[in-house]
Amino acid sequence: NLCVVGDDDQSIYKFRGATIENIM
């Protein structure tokens, strides 16, 4: 029962290690 909320168009923290693949 995992609910994630996000916006693939607002991923701006790749330089901090954010991984867009998590939501994609």
mmCIF file of all heavy atoms, coordinates in Angstrom:
data_MODEL
# 
_entry.id   MODEL 
# 
loop_
_atom_site.group_PDB 
_atom_site.id 
_atom_site.type_symbol 
_atom_site.label_atom_id 
_atom_site.label_alt_id 
_atom_site.label_comp_id 
_atom_site.label_asym_id 
_atom_site.label_entity_id 
_atom_site.label_seq_id 
_atom_site.pdbx_PDB_ins_code 
_atom_site.Cartn_x 
_atom_site.Cartn_y 
_atom_site.Cartn_z 
_atom_site.occupancy 
_atom_site.B_iso_or_equiv 
_atom_site.pdbx_formal_charge 
_atom_site.auth_seq_id 
_atom_site.auth_comp_id 
_atom_site.auth_asym_id 
_atom_site.auth_atom_id 
_atom_site.pdbx_PDB_model_num 
ATOM 1   N N   . ASN A 1 1  ? 0.845  -1.195 0.000   1.00 0.00 ? 1  ASN A N   1 
ATOM 2   C CA  . ASN A 1 1  ? 0.000  0.000  0.000   1.00 0.00 ? 1  ASN A CA  1 
ATOM 3   C C   . ASN A 1 1  ? 0.886  1.253  0.000   1.00 0.00 ? 1  ASN A C   1 
ATOM 4   O O   . ASN A 1 1  ? 1.025  1.951  1.004   1.00 0.00 ? 1  ASN A O   1 
ATOM 5   C CB  . ASN A 1 1  ? -0.937 0.017  1.209   1.00 0.00 ? 1  ASN A CB  1 
ATOM 6   C CG  . ASN A 1 1  ? -2.027 -1.024 1.093   1.00 0.00 ? 1  ASN A CG  1 
ATOM 7   O OD1 . ASN A 1 1  ? -2.477 -1.353 -0.004  1.00 0.00 ? 1  ASN A OD1 1 
ATOM 8   N ND2 . ASN A 1 1  ? -2.455 -1.567 2.219   1.00 0.00 ? 1  ASN A ND2 1 
ATOM 9   N N   . LEU A 1 2  ? 1.481  1.508  -1.139  1.00 0.00 ? 2  LEU A N   1 
ATOM 10  C CA  . LEU A 1 2  ? 2.370  2.652  -1.291  1.00 0.00 ? 2  LEU A CA  1 
ATOM 11  C C   . LEU A 1 2  ? 1.745  3.655  -2.252  1.00 0.00 ? 2  LEU A C   1 
ATOM 12  O O   . LEU A 1 2  ? 1.431  3.320  -3.396  1.00 0.00 ? 2  LEU A O   1 
ATOM 13  C CB  . LEU A 1 2  ? 3.737  2.206  -1.825  1.00 0.00 ? 2  LEU A CB  1 
ATOM 14  C CG  . LEU A 1 2  ? 4.713  3.317  -2.204  1.00 0.00 ? 2  LEU A CG  1 
ATOM 15  C CD1 . LEU A 1 2  ? 5.102  4.138  -0.980  1.00 0.00 ? 2  LEU A CD1 1 
ATOM 16  C CD2 . LEU A 1 2  ? 5.958  2.726  -2.880  1.00 0.00 ? 2  LEU A CD2 1 
ATOM 17  N N   . CYS A 1 3  ? 1.586  4.870  -1.775  1.00 0.00 ? 3  CYS A N   1 
ATOM 18  C CA  . CYS A 1 3  ? 1.079  5.951  -2.620  1.00 0.00 ? 3  CYS A CA  1 
ATOM 19  C C   . CYS A 1 3  ? 2.173  7.004  -2.746  1.00 0.00 ? 3  CYS A C   1 
ATOM 20  O O   . CYS A 1 3  ? 2.648  7.534  -1.739  1.00 0.00 ? 3  CYS A O   1 
ATOM 21  C CB  . CYS A 1 3  ? -0.172 6.572  -2.008  1.00 0.00 ? 3  CYS A CB  1 
ATOM 22  S SG  . CYS A 1 3  ? -0.705 8.109  -2.800  1.00 0.00 ? 3  CYS A SG  1 
ATOM 23  N N   . VAL A 1 4  ? 2.596  7.289  -3.973  1.00 0.00 ? 4  VAL A N   1 
ATOM 24  C CA  . VAL A 1 4  ? 3.608  8.327  -4.190  1.00 0.00 ? 4  VAL A CA  1 
ATOM 25  C C   . VAL A 1 4  ? 2.981  9.450  -5.001  1.00 0.00 ? 4  VAL A C   1 
ATOM 26  O O   . VAL A 1 4  ? 2.199  9.218  -5.926  1.00 0.00 ? 4  VAL A O   1 
ATOM 27  C CB  . VAL A 1 4  ? 4.865  7.775  -4.898  1.00 0.00 ? 4  VAL A CB  1 
ATOM 28  C CG1 . VAL A 1 4  ? 5.482  6.646  -4.071  1.00 0.00 ? 4  VAL A CG1 1 
ATOM 29  C CG2 . VAL A 1 4  ? 4.566  7.295  -6.306  1.00 0.00 ? 4  VAL A CG2 1 
ATOM 30  N N   . VAL A 1 5  ? 3.327  10.661 -4.619  1.00 0.00 ? 5  VAL A N   1 
ATOM 31  C CA  . VAL A 1 5  ? 2.813  11.855 -5.287  1.00 0.00 ? 5  VAL A CA  1 
ATOM 32  C C   . VAL A 1 5  ? 3.997  12.614 -5.858  1.00 0.00 ? 5  VAL A C   1 
ATOM 33  O O   . VAL A 1 5  ? 4.985  12.866 -5.149  1.00 0.00 ? 5  VAL A O   1 
ATOM 34  C CB  . VAL A 1 5  ? 2.037  12.756 -4.305  1.00 0.00 ? 5  VAL A CB  1 
ATOM 35  C CG1 . VAL A 1 5  ? 1.468  13.972 -5.035  1.00 0.00 ? 5  VAL A CG1 1 
ATOM 36  C CG2 . VAL A 1 5  ? 0.927  11.968 -3.628  1.00 0.00 ? 5  VAL A CG2 1 
ATOM 37  N N   . GLY A 1 6  ? 3.928  12.964 -7.118  1.00 0.00 ? 6  GLY A N   1 
ATOM 38  C CA  . GLY A 1 6  ? 5.045  13.689 -7.711  1.00 0.00 ? 6  GLY A CA  1 
ATOM 39  C C   . GLY A 1 6  ? 4.703  14.203 -9.088  1.00 0.00 ? 6  GLY A C   1 
ATOM 40  O O   . GLY A 1 6  ? 3.604  13.987 -9.600  1.00 0.00 ? 6  GLY A O   1 
ATOM 41  N N   . ASP A 1 7  ? 5.665  14.897 -9.669  1.00 0.00 ? 7  ASP A N   1 
ATOM 42  C CA  . ASP A 1 7  ? 5.490  15.470 -11.006 1.00 0.00 ? 7  ASP A CA  1 
ATOM 43  C C   . ASP A 1 7  ? 6.773  15.282 -11.781 1.00 0.00 ? 7  ASP A C   1 
ATOM 44  O O   . ASP A 1 7  ? 7.795  15.892 -11.465 1.00 0.00 ? 7  ASP A O   1 
ATOM 45  C CB  . ASP A 1 7  ? 5.137  16.960 -10.888 1.00 0.00 ? 7  ASP A CB  1 
ATOM 46  C CG  . ASP A 1 7  ? 4.831  17.599 -12.240 1.00 0.00 ? 7  ASP A CG  1 
ATOM 47  O OD1 . ASP A 1 7  ? 4.893  16.882 -13.252 1.00 0.00 ? 7  ASP A OD1 1 
ATOM 48  O OD2 . ASP A 1 7  ? 4.544  18.803 -12.270 1.00 0.00 ? 7  ASP A OD2 1 
ATOM 49  N N   . ASP A 1 8  ? 6.717  14.418 -12.790 1.00 0.00 ? 8  ASP A N   1 
ATOM 50  C CA  . ASP A 1 8  ? 7.911  14.158 -13.594 1.00 0.00 ? 8  ASP A CA  1 
ATOM 51  C C   . ASP A 1 8  ? 8.408  15.410 -14.302 1.00 0.00 ? 8  ASP A C   1 
ATOM 52  O O   . ASP A 1 8  ? 9.576  15.485 -14.689 1.00 0.00 ? 8  ASP A O   1 
ATOM 53  C CB  . ASP A 1 8  ? 7.625  13.052 -14.621 1.00 0.00 ? 8  ASP A CB  1 
ATOM 54  C CG  . ASP A 1 8  ? 6.310  13.256 -15.350 1.00 0.00 ? 8  ASP A CG  1 
ATOM 55  O OD1 . ASP A 1 8  ? 5.338  13.698 -14.708 1.00 0.00 ? 8  ASP A OD1 1 
ATOM 56  O OD2 . ASP A 1 8  ? 6.233  12.971 -16.560 1.00 0.00 ? 8  ASP A OD2 1 
ATOM 57  N N   . ASP A 1 9  ? 7.555  16.419 -14.459 1.00 0.00 ? 9  ASP A N   1 
ATOM 58  C CA  . ASP A 1 9  ? 7.973  17.661 -15.111 1.00 0.00 ? 9  ASP A CA  1 
ATOM 59  C C   . ASP A 1 9  ? 8.624  18.646 -14.144 1.00 0.00 ? 9  ASP A C   1 
ATOM 60  O O   . ASP A 1 9  ? 9.055  19.720 -14.554 1.00 0.00 ? 9  ASP A O   1 
ATOM 61  C CB  . ASP A 1 9  ? 6.777  18.337 -15.784 1.00 0.00 ? 9  ASP A CB  1 
ATOM 62  C CG  . ASP A 1 9  ? 6.251  17.531 -16.959 1.00 0.00 ? 9  ASP A CG  1 
ATOM 63  O OD1 . ASP A 1 9  ? 7.089  16.987 -17.707 1.00 0.00 ? 9  ASP A OD1 1 
ATOM 64  O OD2 . ASP A 1 9  ? 5.026  17.434 -17.122 1.00 0.00 ? 9  ASP A OD2 1 
ATOM 65  N N   . GLN A 1 10 ? 8.671  18.300 -12.862 1.00 0.00 ? 10 GLN A N   1 
ATOM 66  C CA  . GLN A 1 10 ? 9.282  19.190 -11.876 1.00 0.00 ? 10 GLN A CA  1 
ATOM 67  C C   . GLN A 1 10 ? 10.522 18.564 -11.238 1.00 0.00 ? 10 GLN A C   1 
ATOM 68  O O   . GLN A 1 10 ? 10.915 18.937 -10.132 1.00 0.00 ? 10 GLN A O   1 
ATOM 69  C CB  . GLN A 1 10 ? 8.277  19.549 -10.779 1.00 0.00 ? 10 GLN A CB  1 
ATOM 70  C CG  . GLN A 1 10 ? 7.122  20.395 -11.266 1.00 0.00 ? 10 GLN A CG  1 
ATOM 71  C CD  . GLN A 1 10 ? 6.269  20.898 -10.115 1.00 0.00 ? 10 GLN A CD  1 
ATOM 72  O OE1 . GLN A 1 10 ? 6.705  21.676 -9.271  1.00 0.00 ? 10 GLN A OE1 1 
ATOM 73  N NE2 . GLN A 1 10 ? 5.012  20.460 -10.076 1.00 0.00 ? 10 GLN A NE2 1 
ATOM 74  N N   . SER A 1 11 ? 11.137 17.635 -11.912 1.00 0.00 ? 11 SER A N   1 
ATOM 75  C CA  . SER A 1 11 ? 12.347 17.010 -11.384 1.00 0.00 ? 11 SER A CA  1 
ATOM 76  C C   . SER A 1 11 ? 13.552 17.893 -11.712 1.00 0.00 ? 11 SER A C   1 
ATOM 77  O O   . SER A 1 11 ? 14.034 17.923 -12.843 1.00 0.00 ? 11 SER A O   1 
ATOM 78  C CB  . SER A 1 11 ? 12.534 15.619 -11.993 1.00 0.00 ? 11 SER A CB  1 
ATOM 79  O OG  . SER A 1 11 ? 13.705 15.021 -11.504 1.00 0.00 ? 11 SER A OG  1 
ATOM 80  N N   . ILE A 1 12 ? 14.040 18.619 -10.710 1.00 0.00 ? 12 ILE A N   1 
ATOM 81  C CA  . ILE A 1 12 ? 15.134 19.574 -10.945 1.00 0.00 ? 12 ILE A CA  1 
ATOM 82  C C   . ILE A 1 12 ? 16.341 19.306 -10.050 1.00 0.00 ? 12 ILE A C   1 
ATOM 83  O O   . ILE A 1 12 ? 17.277 20.091 -10.039 1.00 0.00 ? 12 ILE A O   1 
ATOM 84  C CB  . ILE A 1 12 ? 14.661 21.025 -10.724 1.00 0.00 ? 12 ILE A CB  1 
ATOM 85  C CG1 . ILE A 1 12 ? 14.156 21.207 -9.288  1.00 0.00 ? 12 ILE A CG1 1 
ATOM 86  C CG2 . ILE A 1 12 ? 13.572 21.392 -11.731 1.00 0.00 ? 12 ILE A CG2 1 
ATOM 87  C CD1 . ILE A 1 12 ? 13.819 22.634 -8.937  1.00 0.00 ? 12 ILE A CD1 1 
ATOM 88  N N   . TYR A 1 13 ? 16.312 18.195 -9.305  1.00 0.00 ? 13 TYR A N   1 
ATOM 89  C CA  . TYR A 1 13 ? 17.368 17.962 -8.329  1.00 0.00 ? 13 TYR A CA  1 
ATOM 90  C C   . TYR A 1 13 ? 18.283 16.796 -8.687  1.00 0.00 ? 13 TYR A C   1 
ATOM 91  O O   . TYR A 1 13 ? 18.800 16.108 -7.811  1.00 0.00 ? 13 TYR A O   1 
ATOM 92  C CB  . TYR A 1 13 ? 16.763 17.742 -6.937  1.00 0.00 ? 13 TYR A CB  1 
ATOM 93  C CG  . TYR A 1 13 ? 16.174 19.000 -6.354  1.00 0.00 ? 13 TYR A CG  1 
ATOM 94  C CD1 . TYR A 1 13 ? 14.815 19.109 -6.126  1.00 0.00 ? 13 TYR A CD1 1 
ATOM 95  C CD2 . TYR A 1 13 ? 16.982 20.098 -6.059  1.00 0.00 ? 13 TYR A CD2 1 
ATOM 96  C CE1 . TYR A 1 13 ? 14.256 20.275 -5.592  1.00 0.00 ? 13 TYR A CE1 1 
ATOM 97  C CE2 . TYR A 1 13 ? 16.444 21.262 -5.534  1.00 0.00 ? 13 TYR A CE2 1 
ATOM 98  C CZ  . TYR A 1 13 ? 15.086 21.342 -5.304  1.00 0.00 ? 13 TYR A CZ  1 
ATOM 99  O OH  . TYR A 1 13 ? 14.552 22.500 -4.791  1.00 0.00 ? 13 TYR A OH  1 
ATOM 100 N N   . LYS A 1 14 ? 18.503 16.593 -9.969  1.00 0.00 ? 14 LYS A N   1 
ATOM 101 C CA  . LYS A 1 14 ? 19.428 15.537 -10.385 1.00 0.00 ? 14 LYS A CA  1 
ATOM 102 C C   . LYS A 1 14 ? 20.825 15.791 -9.823  1.00 0.00 ? 14 LYS A C   1 
ATOM 103 O O   . LYS A 1 14 ? 21.535 14.849 -9.451  1.00 0.00 ? 14 LYS A O   1 
ATOM 104 C CB  . LYS A 1 14 ? 19.491 15.457 -11.906 1.00 0.00 ? 14 LYS A CB  1 
ATOM 105 C CG  . LYS A 1 14 ? 20.325 14.287 -12.414 1.00 0.00 ? 14 LYS A CG  1 
ATOM 106 C CD  . LYS A 1 14 ? 20.261 14.156 -13.931 1.00 0.00 ? 14 LYS A CD  1 
ATOM 107 C CE  . LYS A 1 14 ? 21.064 12.950 -14.395 1.00 0.00 ? 14 LYS A CE  1 
ATOM 108 N NZ  . LYS A 1 14 ? 20.988 12.779 -15.869 1.00 0.00 ? 14 LYS A NZ  1 
ATOM 109 N N   . PHE A 1 15 ? 21.213 17.069 -9.718  1.00 0.00 ? 15 PHE A N   1 
ATOM 110 C CA  . PHE A 1 15 ? 22.543 17.400 -9.191  1.00 0.00 ? 15 PHE A CA  1 
ATOM 111 C C   . PHE A 1 15 ? 22.679 17.023 -7.725  1.00 0.00 ? 15 PHE A C   1 
ATOM 112 O O   . PHE A 1 15 ? 23.786 16.931 -7.202  1.00 0.00 ? 15 PHE A O   1 
ATOM 113 C CB  . PHE A 1 15 ? 22.844 18.897 -9.393  1.00 0.00 ? 15 PHE A CB  1 
ATOM 114 C CG  . PHE A 1 15 ? 22.001 19.816 -8.549  1.00 0.00 ? 15 PHE A CG  1 
ATOM 115 C CD1 . PHE A 1 15 ? 22.499 20.311 -7.353  1.00 0.00 ? 15 PHE A CD1 1 
ATOM 116 C CD2 . PHE A 1 15 ? 20.736 20.191 -8.944  1.00 0.00 ? 15 PHE A CD2 1 
ATOM 117 C CE1 . PHE A 1 15 ? 21.730 21.166 -6.569  1.00 0.00 ? 15 PHE A CE1 1 
ATOM 118 C CE2 . PHE A 1 15 ? 19.965 21.054 -8.182  1.00 0.00 ? 15 PHE A CE2 1 
ATOM 119 C CZ  . PHE A 1 15 ? 20.471 21.542 -6.976  1.00 0.00 ? 15 PHE A CZ  1 
ATOM 120 N N   . ARG A 1 16 ? 21.547 16.793 -7.038  1.00 0.00 ? 16 ARG A N   1 
ATOM 121 C CA  . ARG A 1 16 ? 21.577 16.348 -5.644  1.00 0.00 ? 16 ARG A CA  1 
ATOM 122 C C   . ARG A 1 16 ? 21.365 14.841 -5.522  1.00 0.00 ? 16 ARG A C   1 
ATOM 123 O O   . ARG A 1 16 ? 21.221 14.323 -4.425  1.00 0.00 ? 16 ARG A O   1 
ATOM 124 C CB  . ARG A 1 16 ? 20.481 17.059 -4.837  1.00 0.00 ? 16 ARG A CB  1 
ATOM 125 C CG  . ARG A 1 16 ? 20.718 18.539 -4.616  1.00 0.00 ? 16 ARG A CG  1 
ATOM 126 C CD  . ARG A 1 16 ? 19.661 19.068 -3.672  1.00 0.00 ? 16 ARG A CD  1 
ATOM 127 N NE  . ARG A 1 16 ? 19.675 20.512 -3.565  1.00 0.00 ? 16 ARG A NE  1 
ATOM 128 C CZ  . ARG A 1 16 ? 18.754 21.226 -2.930  1.00 0.00 ? 16 ARG A CZ  1 
ATOM 129 N NH1 . ARG A 1 16 ? 17.726 20.595 -2.356  1.00 0.00 ? 16 ARG A NH1 1 
ATOM 130 N NH2 . ARG A 1 16 ? 18.827 22.534 -2.869  1.00 0.00 ? 16 ARG A NH2 1 
ATOM 131 N N   . GLY A 1 17 ? 21.322 14.160 -6.635  1.00 0.00 ? 17 GLY A N   1 
ATOM 132 C CA  . GLY A 1 17 ? 21.167 12.710 -6.597  1.00 0.00 ? 17 GLY A CA  1 
ATOM 133 C C   . GLY A 1 17 ? 19.776 12.210 -6.917  1.00 0.00 ? 17 GLY A C   1 
ATOM 134 O O   . GLY A 1 17 ? 19.532 11.001 -6.904  1.00 0.00 ? 17 GLY A O   1 
ATOM 135 N N   . ALA A 1 18 ? 18.832 13.136 -7.184  1.00 0.00 ? 18 ALA A N   1 
ATOM 136 C CA  . ALA A 1 18 ? 17.474 12.700 -7.514  1.00 0.00 ? 18 ALA A CA  1 
ATOM 137 C C   . ALA A 1 18 ? 17.488 11.853 -8.779  1.00 0.00 ? 18 ALA A C   1 
ATOM 138 O O   . ALA A 1 18 ? 18.217 12.132 -9.731  1.00 0.00 ? 18 ALA A O   1 
ATOM 139 C CB  . ALA A 1 18 ? 16.568 13.908 -7.708  1.00 0.00 ? 18 ALA A CB  1 
ATOM 140 N N   . THR A 1 19 ? 16.672 10.807 -8.761  1.00 0.00 ? 19 THR A N   1 
ATOM 141 C CA  . THR A 1 19 ? 16.625 9.857  -9.875  1.00 0.00 ? 19 THR A CA  1 
ATOM 142 C C   . THR A 1 19 ? 15.237 9.869  -10.485 1.00 0.00 ? 19 THR A C   1 
ATOM 143 O O   . THR A 1 19 ? 14.285 9.328  -9.913  1.00 0.00 ? 19 THR A O   1 
ATOM 144 C CB  . THR A 1 19 ? 16.968 8.438  -9.373  1.00 0.00 ? 19 THR A CB  1 
ATOM 145 O OG1 . THR A 1 19 ? 18.206 8.475  -8.660  1.00 0.00 ? 19 THR A OG1 1 
ATOM 146 C CG2 . THR A 1 19 ? 17.083 7.467  -10.531 1.00 0.00 ? 19 THR A CG2 1 
ATOM 147 N N   . ILE A 1 20 ? 15.110 10.480 -11.673 1.00 0.00 ? 20 ILE A N   1 
ATOM 148 C CA  . ILE A 1 20 ? 13.814 10.578 -12.330 1.00 0.00 ? 20 ILE A CA  1 
ATOM 149 C C   . ILE A 1 20 ? 13.249 9.191  -12.638 1.00 0.00 ? 20 ILE A C   1 
ATOM 150 O O   . ILE A 1 20 ? 12.032 8.999  -12.715 1.00 0.00 ? 20 ILE A O   1 
ATOM 151 C CB  . ILE A 1 20 ? 13.928 11.420 -13.629 1.00 0.00 ? 20 ILE A CB  1 
ATOM 152 C CG1 . ILE A 1 20 ? 12.547 11.696 -14.241 1.00 0.00 ? 20 ILE A CG1 1 
ATOM 153 C CG2 . ILE A 1 20 ? 14.826 10.726 -14.650 1.00 0.00 ? 20 ILE A CG2 1 
ATOM 154 C CD1 . ILE A 1 20 ? 11.653 12.568 -13.420 1.00 0.00 ? 20 ILE A CD1 1 
ATOM 155 N N   . GLU A 1 21 ? 14.139 8.188  -12.747 1.00 0.00 ? 21 GLU A N   1 
ATOM 156 C CA  . GLU A 1 21 ? 13.680 6.819  -13.041 1.00 0.00 ? 21 GLU A CA  1 
ATOM 157 C C   . GLU A 1 21 ? 12.745 6.286  -11.960 1.00 0.00 ? 21 GLU A C   1 
ATOM 158 O O   . GLU A 1 21 ? 11.912 5.411  -12.228 1.00 0.00 ? 21 GLU A O   1 
ATOM 159 C CB  . GLU A 1 21 ? 14.880 5.886  -13.202 1.00 0.00 ? 21 GLU A CB  1 
ATOM 160 C CG  . GLU A 1 21 ? 15.654 6.051  -14.502 1.00 0.00 ? 21 GLU A CG  1 
ATOM 161 C CD  . GLU A 1 21 ? 16.557 7.285  -14.486 1.00 0.00 ? 21 GLU A CD  1 
ATOM 162 O OE1 . GLU A 1 21 ? 16.835 7.806  -13.386 1.00 0.00 ? 21 GLU A OE1 1 
ATOM 163 O OE2 . GLU A 1 21 ? 16.966 7.719  -15.581 1.00 0.00 ? 21 GLU A OE2 1 
ATOM 164 N N   . ASN A 1 22 ? 12.881 6.789  -10.725 1.00 0.00 ? 22 ASN A N   1 
ATOM 165 C CA  . ASN A 1 22 ? 12.012 6.297  -9.652  1.00 0.00 ? 22 ASN A CA  1 
ATOM 166 C C   . ASN A 1 22 ? 10.542 6.507  -9.980  1.00 0.00 ? 22 ASN A C   1 
ATOM 167 O O   . ASN A 1 22 ? 9.710  5.631  -9.745  1.00 0.00 ? 22 ASN A O   1 
ATOM 168 C CB  . ASN A 1 22 ? 12.365 6.985  -8.332  1.00 0.00 ? 22 ASN A CB  1 
ATOM 169 C CG  . ASN A 1 22 ? 13.685 6.522  -7.764  1.00 0.00 ? 22 ASN A CG  1 
ATOM 170 O OD1 . ASN A 1 22 ? 14.276 5.561  -8.259  1.00 0.00 ? 22 ASN A OD1 1 
ATOM 171 N ND2 . ASN A 1 22 ? 14.171 7.191  -6.736  1.00 0.00 ? 22 ASN A ND2 1 
ATOM 172 N N   . ILE A 1 23 ? 10.221 7.680  -10.507 1.00 0.00 ? 23 ILE A N   1 
ATOM 173 C CA  . ILE A 1 23 ? 8.820  7.959  -10.842 1.00 0.00 ? 23 ILE A CA  1 
ATOM 174 C C   . ILE A 1 23 ? 8.469  7.403  -12.224 1.00 0.00 ? 23 ILE A C   1 
ATOM 175 O O   . ILE A 1 23 ? 7.358  6.926  -12.451 1.00 0.00 ? 23 ILE A O   1 
ATOM 176 C CB  . ILE A 1 23 ? 8.519  9.470  -10.753 1.00 0.00 ? 23 ILE A CB  1 
ATOM 177 C CG1 . ILE A 1 23 ? 7.011  9.711  -10.705 1.00 0.00 ? 23 ILE A CG1 1 
ATOM 178 C CG2 . ILE A 1 23 ? 9.161  10.264 -11.895 1.00 0.00 ? 23 ILE A CG2 1 
ATOM 179 C CD1 . ILE A 1 23 ? 6.634  11.134 -10.326 1.00 0.00 ? 23 ILE A CD1 1 
ATOM 180 N N   . MET A 1 24 ? 9.431  7.423  -13.139 1.00 0.00 ? 24 MET A N   1 
ATOM 181 C CA  . MET A 1 24 ? 9.165  6.919  -14.491 1.00 0.00 ? 24 MET A CA  1 
ATOM 182 C C   . MET A 1 24 ? 8.923  5.409  -14.494 1.00 0.00 ? 24 MET A C   1 
ATOM 183 O O   . MET A 1 24 ? 8.131  4.895  -15.286 1.00 0.00 ? 24 MET A O   1 
ATOM 184 C CB  . MET A 1 24 ? 10.337 7.254  -15.420 1.00 0.00 ? 24 MET A CB  1 
ATOM 185 C CG  . MET A 1 24 ? 10.582 8.750  -15.630 1.00 0.00 ? 24 MET A CG  1 
ATOM 186 S SD  . MET A 1 24 ? 9.171  9.602  -16.390 1.00 0.00 ? 24 MET A SD  1 
ATOM 187 C CE  . MET A 1 24 ? 9.169  8.842  -18.013 1.00 0.00 ? 24 MET A CE  1 
# 
